[in-house]
Amino acid sequence: VVLVFLIAPILAIVPLSFNAEPYFSYPMPGLSLKWYDDFFNNDRWRLALQTSLVLAFLVTILSTVLGTLAALGLSRGNIPGRPLILGLLISPMIVPVIITAVAVLLAYGTLSNATGFQLIGRLSGLVLAHTVLATPFVVITVTSTLTGFDWNLARAGASLGAPPVTVFGKVIFPLILPGIISGAMFAFVTSFDEVVVATFISSPEQRTLPKQMFAGIREQISPTITAAATVLVLLSTFLLVGAELLRRRSERLRGVSPS
């Protein structure tokens, strides 16, 4: 019952995206793809989708690299202050996003006043802010993958004369790759769906897809929003299903029974 309650809005929105008339009503007078045509061909929506894809791609690369390196470092048991460091790294998952948005805005403003370097209203500013939000998901996912990793394999490679880079590329990386890809998917979805931080630090002309949807609801309600919401739901579902399949594959590789 709880699950049906949570997905009920999705079950209502998806059919409405095929409504032939420009109003929200059931039963629908007819079916049409014109709202999807407007979504993909209207410059406003197309540019918003393009901005979100580019932003999410850059954030995914940066957060995956940083999160994987952090997880590898924290997987060593002799790191002093490991719980504190891990807590700081995953704090963006715990702190309400509105607080994070205000903090980022103040930090960018202080940096601009002190150095003249402007990040507010620029793609680089959004990339850095979204990376802060997305990296914890990579850290958690890769750390979970490394939990059952047998470090004797890495020691065996080193004992045979392989340098650290070769040991990582030939031994560690293939075994943790499913966890890395899974974390990258979560990072992509986190950036692609984020709207609060983007609203605070992006310029009026710089609109991501969620921000464009929010502005569309506030300024002018259009059925194109239902098509955009359906695209977001399908993309997120596809990525999360892929992440779950990769998690199960990672557990099989580590000899863990899938939960």
C-alpha atoms as a PDB file:
ATOM      1  CA  VAL A   1       0.000   0.000   0.000  1.00  0.00           C
ATOM      2  CA  VAL A   2       2.830   2.385   0.851  1.00  0.00           C
ATOM      3  CA  LEU A   3       4.562   1.585  -2.448  1.00  0.00           C
ATOM      4  CA  VAL A   4       1.373   2.250  -4.437  1.00  0.00           C
ATOM      5  CA  PHE A   5       0.912   5.528  -2.555  1.00  0.00           C
ATOM      6  CA  LEU A   6       4.466   6.615  -3.441  1.00  0.00           C
ATOM      7  CA  ILE A   7       4.256   5.771  -7.144  1.00  0.00           C
ATOM      8  CA  ALA A   8       0.654   6.994  -7.616  1.00  0.00           C
ATOM      9  CA  PRO A   9       1.778  10.420  -8.951  1.00  0.00           C
ATOM     10  CA  ILE A  10       3.936   8.661 -11.551  1.00  0.00           C
ATOM     11  CA  LEU A  11       1.017   6.461 -12.612  1.00  0.00           C
ATOM     12  CA  ALA A  12      -1.019   9.637 -13.126  1.00  0.00           C
ATOM     13  CA  ILE A  13       1.612  11.758 -14.877  1.00  0.00           C
ATOM     14  CA  VAL A  14       2.820   9.250 -17.480  1.00  0.00           C
ATOM     15  CA  PRO A  15      -0.595   8.764 -19.167  1.00  0.00           C
ATOM     16  CA  LEU A  16      -1.208  12.525 -19.126  1.00  0.00           C
ATOM     17  CA  SER A  17       1.954  13.058 -21.176  1.00  0.00           C
ATOM     18  CA  PHE A  18       0.111  11.420 -24.088  1.00  0.00           C
ATOM     19  CA  ASN A  19      -3.000  13.585 -23.744  1.00  0.00           C
ATOM     20  CA  ALA A  20      -4.149  15.150 -27.015  1.00  0.00           C
ATOM     21  CA  GLU A  21      -5.641  18.201 -25.288  1.00  0.00           C
ATOM     22  CA  PRO A  22      -3.730  20.977 -23.440  1.00  0.00           C
ATOM     23  CA  TYR A  23      -5.394  20.364 -20.097  1.00  0.00           C
ATOM     24  CA  PHE A  24      -5.142  17.752 -17.365  1.00  0.00           C
ATOM     25  CA  SER A  25      -8.219  15.587 -17.243  1.00  0.00           C
ATOM     26  CA  TYR A  26      -9.417  12.019 -17.092  1.00  0.00           C
ATOM     27  CA  PRO A  27     -10.684  10.389 -19.202  1.00  0.00           C
ATOM     28  CA  MET A  28      -8.433  11.759 -21.926  1.00  0.00           C
ATOM     29  CA  PRO A  29     -10.216  12.791 -25.133  1.00  0.00           C
ATOM     30  CA  GLY A  30      -7.421  11.352 -27.275  1.00  0.00           C
ATOM     31  CA  LEU A  31      -3.771  10.341 -27.496  1.00  0.00           C
ATOM     32  CA  SER A  32      -0.955  12.363 -29.005  1.00  0.00           C
ATOM     33  CA  LEU A  33       2.839  12.692 -28.982  1.00  0.00           C
ATOM     34  CA  LYS A  34       2.808  16.449 -29.526  1.00  0.00           C
ATOM     35  CA  TRP A  35       4.041  17.209 -25.988  1.00  0.00           C
ATOM     36  CA  TYR A  36       7.084  15.018 -26.569  1.00  0.00           C
ATOM     37  CA  ASP A  37       7.586  16.773 -29.906  1.00  0.00           C
ATOM     38  CA  ASP A  38       7.486  20.120 -28.088  1.00  0.00           C
ATOM     39  CA  PHE A  39       9.876  18.831 -25.428  1.00  0.00           C
ATOM     40  CA  PHE A  40      12.536  17.688 -27.900  1.00  0.00           C
ATOM     41  CA  ASN A  41      12.108  20.446 -30.500  1.00  0.00           C
ATOM     42  CA  ASN A  42      11.369  23.529 -28.396  1.00  0.00           C
ATOM     43  CA  ASP A  43      14.609  25.485 -27.915  1.00  0.00           C
ATOM     44  CA  ARG A  44      13.858  26.243 -24.279  1.00  0.00           C
ATOM     45  CA  TRP A  45      13.345  22.597 -23.305  1.00  0.00           C
ATOM     46  CA  ARG A  46      16.064  21.268 -25.587  1.00  0.00           C
ATOM     47  CA  LEU A  47      18.693  23.626 -24.190  1.00  0.00           C
ATOM     48  CA  ALA A  48      17.645  22.765 -20.635  1.00  0.00           C
ATOM     49  CA  LEU A  49      17.990  19.040 -21.389  1.00  0.00           C
ATOM     50  CA  GLN A  50      21.362  19.644 -23.032  1.00  0.00           C
ATOM     51  CA  THR A  51      22.603  21.636 -20.041  1.00  0.00           C
ATOM     52  CA  SER A  52      21.492  18.915 -17.614  1.00  0.00           C
ATOM     53  CA  LEU A  53      23.163  16.157 -19.643  1.00  0.00           C
ATOM     54  CA  VAL A  54      26.470  18.026 -19.960  1.00  0.00           C
ATOM     55  CA  LEU A  55      26.392  18.980 -16.283  1.00  0.00           C
ATOM     56  CA  ALA A  56      25.556  15.441 -15.135  1.00  0.00           C
ATOM     57  CA  PHE A  57      28.274  13.963 -17.370  1.00  0.00           C
ATOM     58  CA  LEU A  58      30.983  16.268 -15.972  1.00  0.00           C
ATOM     59  CA  VAL A  59      29.802  15.724 -12.390  1.00  0.00           C
ATOM     60  CA  THR A  60      29.769  11.952 -12.898  1.00  0.00           C
ATOM     61  CA  ILE A  61      33.381  11.895 -14.078  1.00  0.00           C
ATOM     62  CA  LEU A  62      34.659  14.167 -11.314  1.00  0.00           C
ATOM     63  CA  SER A  63      32.689  12.586  -8.455  1.00  0.00           C
ATOM     64  CA  THR A  64      33.516   9.043  -9.596  1.00  0.00           C
ATOM     65  CA  VAL A  65      37.249   9.746  -9.587  1.00  0.00           C
ATOM     66  CA  LEU A  66      37.191  11.566  -6.248  1.00  0.00           C
ATOM     67  CA  GLY A  67      34.785   9.122  -4.601  1.00  0.00           C
ATOM     68  CA  THR A  68      36.723   6.054  -5.744  1.00  0.00           C
ATOM     69  CA  LEU A  69      40.024   7.469  -4.515  1.00  0.00           C
ATOM     70  CA  ALA A  70      38.441   8.374  -1.175  1.00  0.00           C
ATOM     71  CA  ALA A  71      36.905   4.897  -0.809  1.00  0.00           C
ATOM     72  CA  LEU A  72      40.232   3.214  -1.597  1.00  0.00           C
ATOM     73  CA  GLY A  73      41.986   5.339   0.997  1.00  0.00           C
ATOM     74  CA  LEU A  74      39.333   4.774   3.656  1.00  0.00           C
ATOM     75  CA  SER A  75      39.297   1.025   3.016  1.00  0.00           C
ATOM     76  CA  ARG A  76      42.668   0.797   4.730  1.00  0.00           C
ATOM     77  CA  GLY A  77      42.093   0.071   8.389  1.00  0.00           C
ATOM     78  CA  ASN A  78      45.054   2.113   9.642  1.00  0.00           C
ATOM     79  CA  ILE A  79      43.707   5.517   8.607  1.00  0.00           C
ATOM     80  CA  PRO A  80      43.594   7.778  11.694  1.00  0.00           C
ATOM     81  CA  GLY A  81      40.238   9.438  12.237  1.00  0.00           C
ATOM     82  CA  ARG A  82      38.561   7.238   9.628  1.00  0.00           C
ATOM     83  CA  PRO A  83      35.003   7.527  11.080  1.00  0.00           C
ATOM     84  CA  LEU A  84      35.306  11.313  11.227  1.00  0.00           C
ATOM     85  CA  ILE A  85      36.596  11.565   7.661  1.00  0.00           C
ATOM     86  CA  LEU A  86      33.878   9.259   6.371  1.00  0.00           C
ATOM     87  CA  GLY A  87      31.256  11.252   8.249  1.00  0.00           C
ATOM     88  CA  LEU A  88      32.459  14.487   6.667  1.00  0.00           C
ATOM     89  CA  LEU A  89      32.497  12.938   3.198  1.00  0.00           C
ATOM     90  CA  ILE A  90      28.919  11.679   3.392  1.00  0.00           C
ATOM     91  CA  SER A  91      27.544  14.709   5.250  1.00  0.00           C
ATOM     92  CA  PRO A  92      26.000  16.191   2.046  1.00  0.00           C
ATOM     93  CA  MET A  93      23.683  13.161   2.049  1.00  0.00           C
ATOM     94  CA  ILE A  94      22.508  14.006   5.570  1.00  0.00           C
ATOM     95  CA  VAL A  95      22.395  17.805   5.591  1.00  0.00           C
ATOM     96  CA  PRO A  96      19.197  19.218   4.016  1.00  0.00           C
ATOM     97  CA  VAL A  97      19.929  20.322   0.469  1.00  0.00           C
ATOM     98  CA  ILE A  98      18.575  23.827   1.127  1.00  0.00           C
ATOM     99  CA  ILE A  99      21.291  24.341   3.754  1.00  0.00           C
ATOM    100  CA  THR A 100      23.906  23.079   1.328  1.00  0.00           C
ATOM    101  CA  ALA A 101      22.595  25.460  -1.333  1.00  0.00           C
ATOM    102  CA  VAL A 102      22.811  28.478   0.992  1.00  0.00           C
ATOM    103  CA  ALA A 103      26.301  27.447   2.134  1.00  0.00           C
ATOM    104  CA  VAL A 104      27.500  27.085  -1.470  1.00  0.00           C
ATOM    105  CA  LEU A 105      26.026  30.462  -2.389  1.00  0.00           C
ATOM    106  CA  LEU A 106      27.761  32.160   0.555  1.00  0.00           C
ATOM    107  CA  ALA A 107      31.050  30.390  -0.200  1.00  0.00           C
ATOM    108  CA  TYR A 108      30.947  31.397  -3.863  1.00  0.00           C
ATOM    109  CA  GLY A 109      30.077  34.974  -2.908  1.00  0.00           C
ATOM    110  CA  THR A 110      32.956  35.144  -0.420  1.00  0.00           C
ATOM    111  CA  LEU A 111      35.365  33.714  -2.996  1.00  0.00           C
ATOM    112  CA  SER A 112      34.217  36.226  -5.591  1.00  0.00           C
ATOM    113  CA  ASN A 113      34.649  39.159  -3.212  1.00  0.00           C
ATOM    114  CA  ALA A 114      38.089  37.983  -2.062  1.00  0.00           C
ATOM    115  CA  THR A 115      39.629  36.964  -5.386  1.00  0.00           C
ATOM    116  CA  GLY A 116      37.303  38.222  -8.100  1.00  0.00           C
ATOM    117  CA  PHE A 117      36.875  34.660  -9.341  1.00  0.00           C
ATOM    118  CA  GLN A 118      33.203  34.233 -10.243  1.00  0.00           C
ATOM    119  CA  LEU A 119      31.466  30.857  -9.927  1.00  0.00           C
ATOM    120  CA  ILE A 120      27.858  31.976  -9.503  1.00  0.00           C
ATOM    121  CA  GLY A 121      26.004  31.728 -12.796  1.00  0.00           C
ATOM    122  CA  ARG A 122      28.681  29.578 -14.430  1.00  0.00           C
ATOM    123  CA  LEU A 123      28.743  25.923 -15.414  1.00  0.00           C
ATOM    124  CA  SER A 124      31.924  25.355 -13.421  1.00  0.00           C
ATOM    125  CA  GLY A 125      30.148  26.518 -10.267  1.00  0.00           C
ATOM    126  CA  LEU A 126      27.294  24.083 -10.837  1.00  0.00           C
ATOM    127  CA  VAL A 127      29.744  21.255 -11.532  1.00  0.00           C
ATOM    128  CA  LEU A 128      31.604  21.832  -8.264  1.00  0.00           C
ATOM    129  CA  ALA A 129      28.403  22.145  -6.216  1.00  0.00           C
ATOM    130  CA  HIS A 130      26.819  19.030  -7.725  1.00  0.00           C
ATOM    131  CA  THR A 131      30.071  17.123  -7.259  1.00  0.00           C
ATOM    132  CA  VAL A 132      29.818  17.814  -3.528  1.00  0.00           C
ATOM    133  CA  LEU A 133      26.312  16.308  -3.558  1.00  0.00           C
ATOM    134  CA  ALA A 134      27.136  13.334  -5.789  1.00  0.00           C
ATOM    135  CA  THR A 135      30.511  12.191  -4.423  1.00  0.00           C
ATOM    136  CA  PRO A 136      29.071  10.671  -1.193  1.00  0.00           C
ATOM    137  CA  PHE A 137      27.034   8.209  -3.264  1.00  0.00           C
ATOM    138  CA  VAL A 138      30.213   7.022  -4.992  1.00  0.00           C
ATOM    139  CA  VAL A 139      32.065   6.787  -1.673  1.00  0.00           C
ATOM    140  CA  ILE A 140      29.309   4.676  -0.088  1.00  0.00           C
ATOM    141  CA  THR A 141      28.924   2.385  -3.107  1.00  0.00           C
ATOM    142  CA  VAL A 142      32.633   1.745  -3.675  1.00  0.00           C
ATOM    143  CA  THR A 143      33.283   1.374   0.062  1.00  0.00           C
ATOM    144  CA  SER A 144      30.544  -1.257   0.187  1.00  0.00           C
ATOM    145  CA  THR A 145      32.200  -3.070  -2.718  1.00  0.00           C
ATOM    146  CA  LEU A 146      35.574  -2.968  -0.978  1.00  0.00           C
ATOM    147  CA  THR A 147      34.133  -4.396   2.245  1.00  0.00           C
ATOM    148  CA  GLY A 148      34.580  -7.974   1.074  1.00  0.00           C
ATOM    149  CA  PHE A 149      37.649  -7.349  -1.042  1.00  0.00           C
ATOM    150  CA  ASP A 150      40.580  -9.674  -0.345  1.00  0.00           C
ATOM    151  CA  TRP A 151      43.610  -7.403  -0.102  1.00  0.00           C
ATOM    152  CA  ASN A 152      45.863 -10.471  -0.212  1.00  0.00           C
ATOM    153  CA  LEU A 153      45.294 -10.416  -3.979  1.00  0.00           C
ATOM    154  CA  ALA A 154      46.875  -6.972  -4.177  1.00  0.00           C
ATOM    155  CA  ARG A 155      49.722  -8.065  -1.917  1.00  0.00           C
ATOM    156  CA  ALA A 156      50.298 -11.115  -4.112  1.00  0.00           C
ATOM    157  CA  GLY A 157      50.572  -8.915  -7.193  1.00  0.00           C
ATOM    158  CA  ALA A 158      53.021  -6.612  -5.432  1.00  0.00           C
ATOM    159  CA  SER A 159      55.100  -9.577  -4.244  1.00  0.00           C
ATOM    160  CA  LEU A 160      55.452 -10.683  -7.860  1.00  0.00           C
ATOM    161  CA  GLY A 161      57.062  -7.359  -8.760  1.00  0.00           C
ATOM    162  CA  ALA A 162      54.075  -5.457 -10.147  1.00  0.00           C
ATOM    163  CA  PRO A 163      54.129  -1.712  -9.435  1.00  0.00           C
ATOM    164  CA  PRO A 164      51.131  -0.179  -7.580  1.00  0.00           C
ATOM    165  CA  VAL A 165      49.582   1.173 -10.794  1.00  0.00           C
ATOM    166  CA  THR A 166      49.671  -2.282 -12.393  1.00  0.00           C
ATOM    167  CA  VAL A 167      48.249  -3.920  -9.265  1.00  0.00           C
ATOM    168  CA  PHE A 168      45.369  -1.468  -9.270  1.00  0.00           C
ATOM    169  CA  GLY A 169      44.696  -1.819 -13.003  1.00  0.00           C
ATOM    170  CA  LYS A 170      45.011  -5.595 -13.201  1.00  0.00           C
ATOM    171  CA  VAL A 171      43.741  -6.766  -9.806  1.00  0.00           C
ATOM    172  CA  ILE A 172      41.758  -4.173  -7.849  1.00  0.00           C
ATOM    173  CA  PHE A 173      40.006  -2.219 -10.589  1.00  0.00           C
ATOM    174  CA  PRO A 174      38.333  -5.181 -12.387  1.00  0.00           C
ATOM    175  CA  LEU A 175      36.890  -6.476  -9.116  1.00  0.00           C
ATOM    176  CA  ILE A 176      35.500  -3.144  -7.927  1.00  0.00           C
ATOM    177  CA  LEU A 177      34.404  -1.931 -11.380  1.00  0.00           C
ATOM    178  CA  PRO A 178      30.713  -2.866 -10.853  1.00  0.00           C
ATOM    179  CA  GLY A 179      30.683  -0.781  -7.671  1.00  0.00           C
ATOM    180  CA  ILE A 180      32.355   2.146  -9.438  1.00  0.00           C
ATOM    181  CA  ILE A 181      29.849   2.067 -12.306  1.00  0.00           C
ATOM    182  CA  SER A 182      26.977   1.773  -9.854  1.00  0.00           C
ATOM    183  CA  GLY A 183      28.248   4.802  -7.919  1.00  0.00           C
ATOM    184  CA  ALA A 184      28.663   6.715 -11.181  1.00  0.00           C
ATOM    185  CA  MET A 185      25.025   6.010 -12.048  1.00  0.00           C
ATOM    186  CA  PHE A 186      23.874   7.335  -8.688  1.00  0.00           C
ATOM    187  CA  ALA A 187      26.057  10.416  -9.193  1.00  0.00           C
ATOM    188  CA  PHE A 188      24.546  11.016 -12.638  1.00  0.00           C
ATOM    189  CA  VAL A 189      20.988  10.759 -11.318  1.00  0.00           C
ATOM    190  CA  THR A 190      21.813  13.019  -8.355  1.00  0.00           C
ATOM    191  CA  SER A 191      23.116  15.775 -10.619  1.00  0.00           C
ATOM    192  CA  PHE A 192      20.507  15.328 -13.339  1.00  0.00           C
ATOM    193  CA  ASP A 193      17.553  15.578 -10.930  1.00  0.00           C
ATOM    194  CA  GLU A 194      18.895  18.325  -8.627  1.00  0.00           C
ATOM    195  CA  VAL A 195      16.985  21.617  -8.613  1.00  0.00           C
ATOM    196  CA  VAL A 196      17.543  23.452  -5.297  1.00  0.00           C
ATOM    197  CA  VAL A 197      21.268  24.202  -5.624  1.00  0.00           C
ATOM    198  CA  ALA A 198      20.820  24.986  -9.328  1.00  0.00           C
ATOM    199  CA  THR A 199      18.122  27.520  -8.444  1.00  0.00           C
ATOM    200  CA  PHE A 200      20.421  29.276  -5.968  1.00  0.00           C
ATOM    201  CA  ILE A 201      23.656  29.556  -7.960  1.00  0.00           C
ATOM    202  CA  SER A 202      22.740  29.468 -11.656  1.00  0.00           C
ATOM    203  CA  SER A 203      21.910  32.502 -13.734  1.00  0.00           C
ATOM    204  CA  PRO A 204      18.394  33.134 -15.136  1.00  0.00           C
ATOM    205  CA  GLU A 205      19.597  32.092 -18.597  1.00  0.00           C
ATOM    206  CA  GLN A 206      21.330  28.969 -17.276  1.00  0.00           C
ATOM    207  CA  ARG A 207      18.521  26.484 -16.756  1.00  0.00           C
ATOM    208  CA  THR A 208      18.817  22.785 -16.093  1.00  0.00           C
ATOM    209  CA  LEU A 209      15.884  20.528 -16.935  1.00  0.00           C
ATOM    210  CA  PRO A 210      14.540  20.300 -13.342  1.00  0.00           C
ATOM    211  CA  LYS A 211      14.894  24.070 -12.972  1.00  0.00           C
ATOM    212  CA  GLN A 212      13.057  24.589 -16.258  1.00  0.00           C
ATOM    213  CA  MET A 213      10.274  22.280 -15.051  1.00  0.00           C
ATOM    214  CA  PHE A 214      10.025  24.194 -11.769  1.00  0.00           C
ATOM    215  CA  ALA A 215       9.909  27.505 -13.626  1.00  0.00           C
ATOM    216  CA  GLY A 216       7.304  26.117 -16.016  1.00  0.00           C
ATOM    217  CA  ILE A 217       5.014  25.110 -13.153  1.00  0.00           C
ATOM    218  CA  ARG A 218       5.440  28.520 -11.503  1.00  0.00           C
ATOM    219  CA  GLU A 219       5.149  30.696 -14.606  1.00  0.00           C
ATOM    220  CA  GLN A 220       3.025  28.807 -17.102  1.00  0.00           C
ATOM    221  CA  ILE A 221       1.618  25.310 -16.677  1.00  0.00           C
ATOM    222  CA  SER A 222       2.130  23.379 -19.889  1.00  0.00           C
ATOM    223  CA  PRO A 223       1.470  19.684 -20.602  1.00  0.00           C
ATOM    224  CA  THR A 224       5.059  19.539 -21.890  1.00  0.00           C
ATOM    225  CA  ILE A 225       6.028  19.301 -18.215  1.00  0.00           C
ATOM    226  CA  THR A 226       4.390  15.857 -18.084  1.00  0.00           C
ATOM    227  CA  ALA A 227       6.526  14.712 -21.023  1.00  0.00           C
ATOM    228  CA  ALA A 228       9.661  16.063 -19.310  1.00  0.00           C
ATOM    229  CA  ALA A 229       8.694  14.344 -16.051  1.00  0.00           C
ATOM    230  CA  THR A 230       8.159  11.040 -17.889  1.00  0.00           C
ATOM    231  CA  VAL A 231      11.599  11.300 -19.499  1.00  0.00           C
ATOM    232  CA  LEU A 232      13.152  11.945 -16.072  1.00  0.00           C
ATOM    233  CA  VAL A 233      11.319   8.981 -14.538  1.00  0.00           C
ATOM    234  CA  LEU A 234      12.344   6.611 -17.333  1.00  0.00           C
ATOM    235  CA  LEU A 235      15.979   7.728 -17.240  1.00  0.00           C
ATOM    236  CA  SER A 236      16.195   7.448 -13.447  1.00  0.00           C
ATOM    237  CA  THR A 237      14.506   4.037 -13.472  1.00  0.00           C
ATOM    238  CA  PHE A 238      16.858   2.743 -16.149  1.00  0.00           C
ATOM    239  CA  LEU A 239      19.940   3.904 -14.270  1.00  0.00           C
ATOM    240  CA  LEU A 240      18.785   2.615 -10.883  1.00  0.00           C
ATOM    241  CA  VAL A 241      17.879  -0.799 -12.309  1.00  0.00           C
ATOM    242  CA  GLY A 242      21.318  -0.910 -13.907  1.00  0.00           C
ATOM    243  CA  ALA A 243      22.909   0.025 -10.587  1.00  0.00           C
ATOM    244  CA  GLU A 244      21.040  -2.786  -8.826  1.00  0.00           C
ATOM    245  CA  LEU A 245      22.131  -5.337 -11.450  1.00  0.00           C
ATOM    246  CA  LEU A 246      25.726  -4.198 -11.071  1.00  0.00           C
ATOM    247  CA  ARG A 247      25.457  -4.465  -7.282  1.00  0.00           C
ATOM    248  CA  ARG A 248      24.298  -8.067  -7.572  1.00  0.00           C
ATOM    249  CA  ARG A 249      27.096  -8.836 -10.022  1.00  0.00           C
ATOM    250  CA  SER A 250      29.628  -7.315  -7.640  1.00  0.00           C
ATOM    251  CA  GLU A 251      28.313  -9.491  -4.811  1.00  0.00           C
ATOM    252  CA  ARG A 252      28.631 -12.587  -6.966  1.00  0.00           C
ATOM    253  CA  LEU A 253      32.226 -11.682  -7.854  1.00  0.00           C
ATOM    254  CA  ARG A 254      33.021 -11.285  -4.153  1.00  0.00           C
ATOM    255  CA  GLY A 255      31.274 -14.535  -3.273  1.00  0.00           C
ATOM    256  CA  VAL A 256      28.478 -12.827  -1.345  1.00  0.00           C
ATOM    257  CA  SER A 257      24.916 -14.144  -1.585  1.00  0.00           C
ATOM    258  CA  PRO A 258      22.713 -11.411  -3.178  1.00  0.00           C
ATOM    259  CA  SER A 259      20.342  -9.865  -0.628  1.00  0.00           C
END
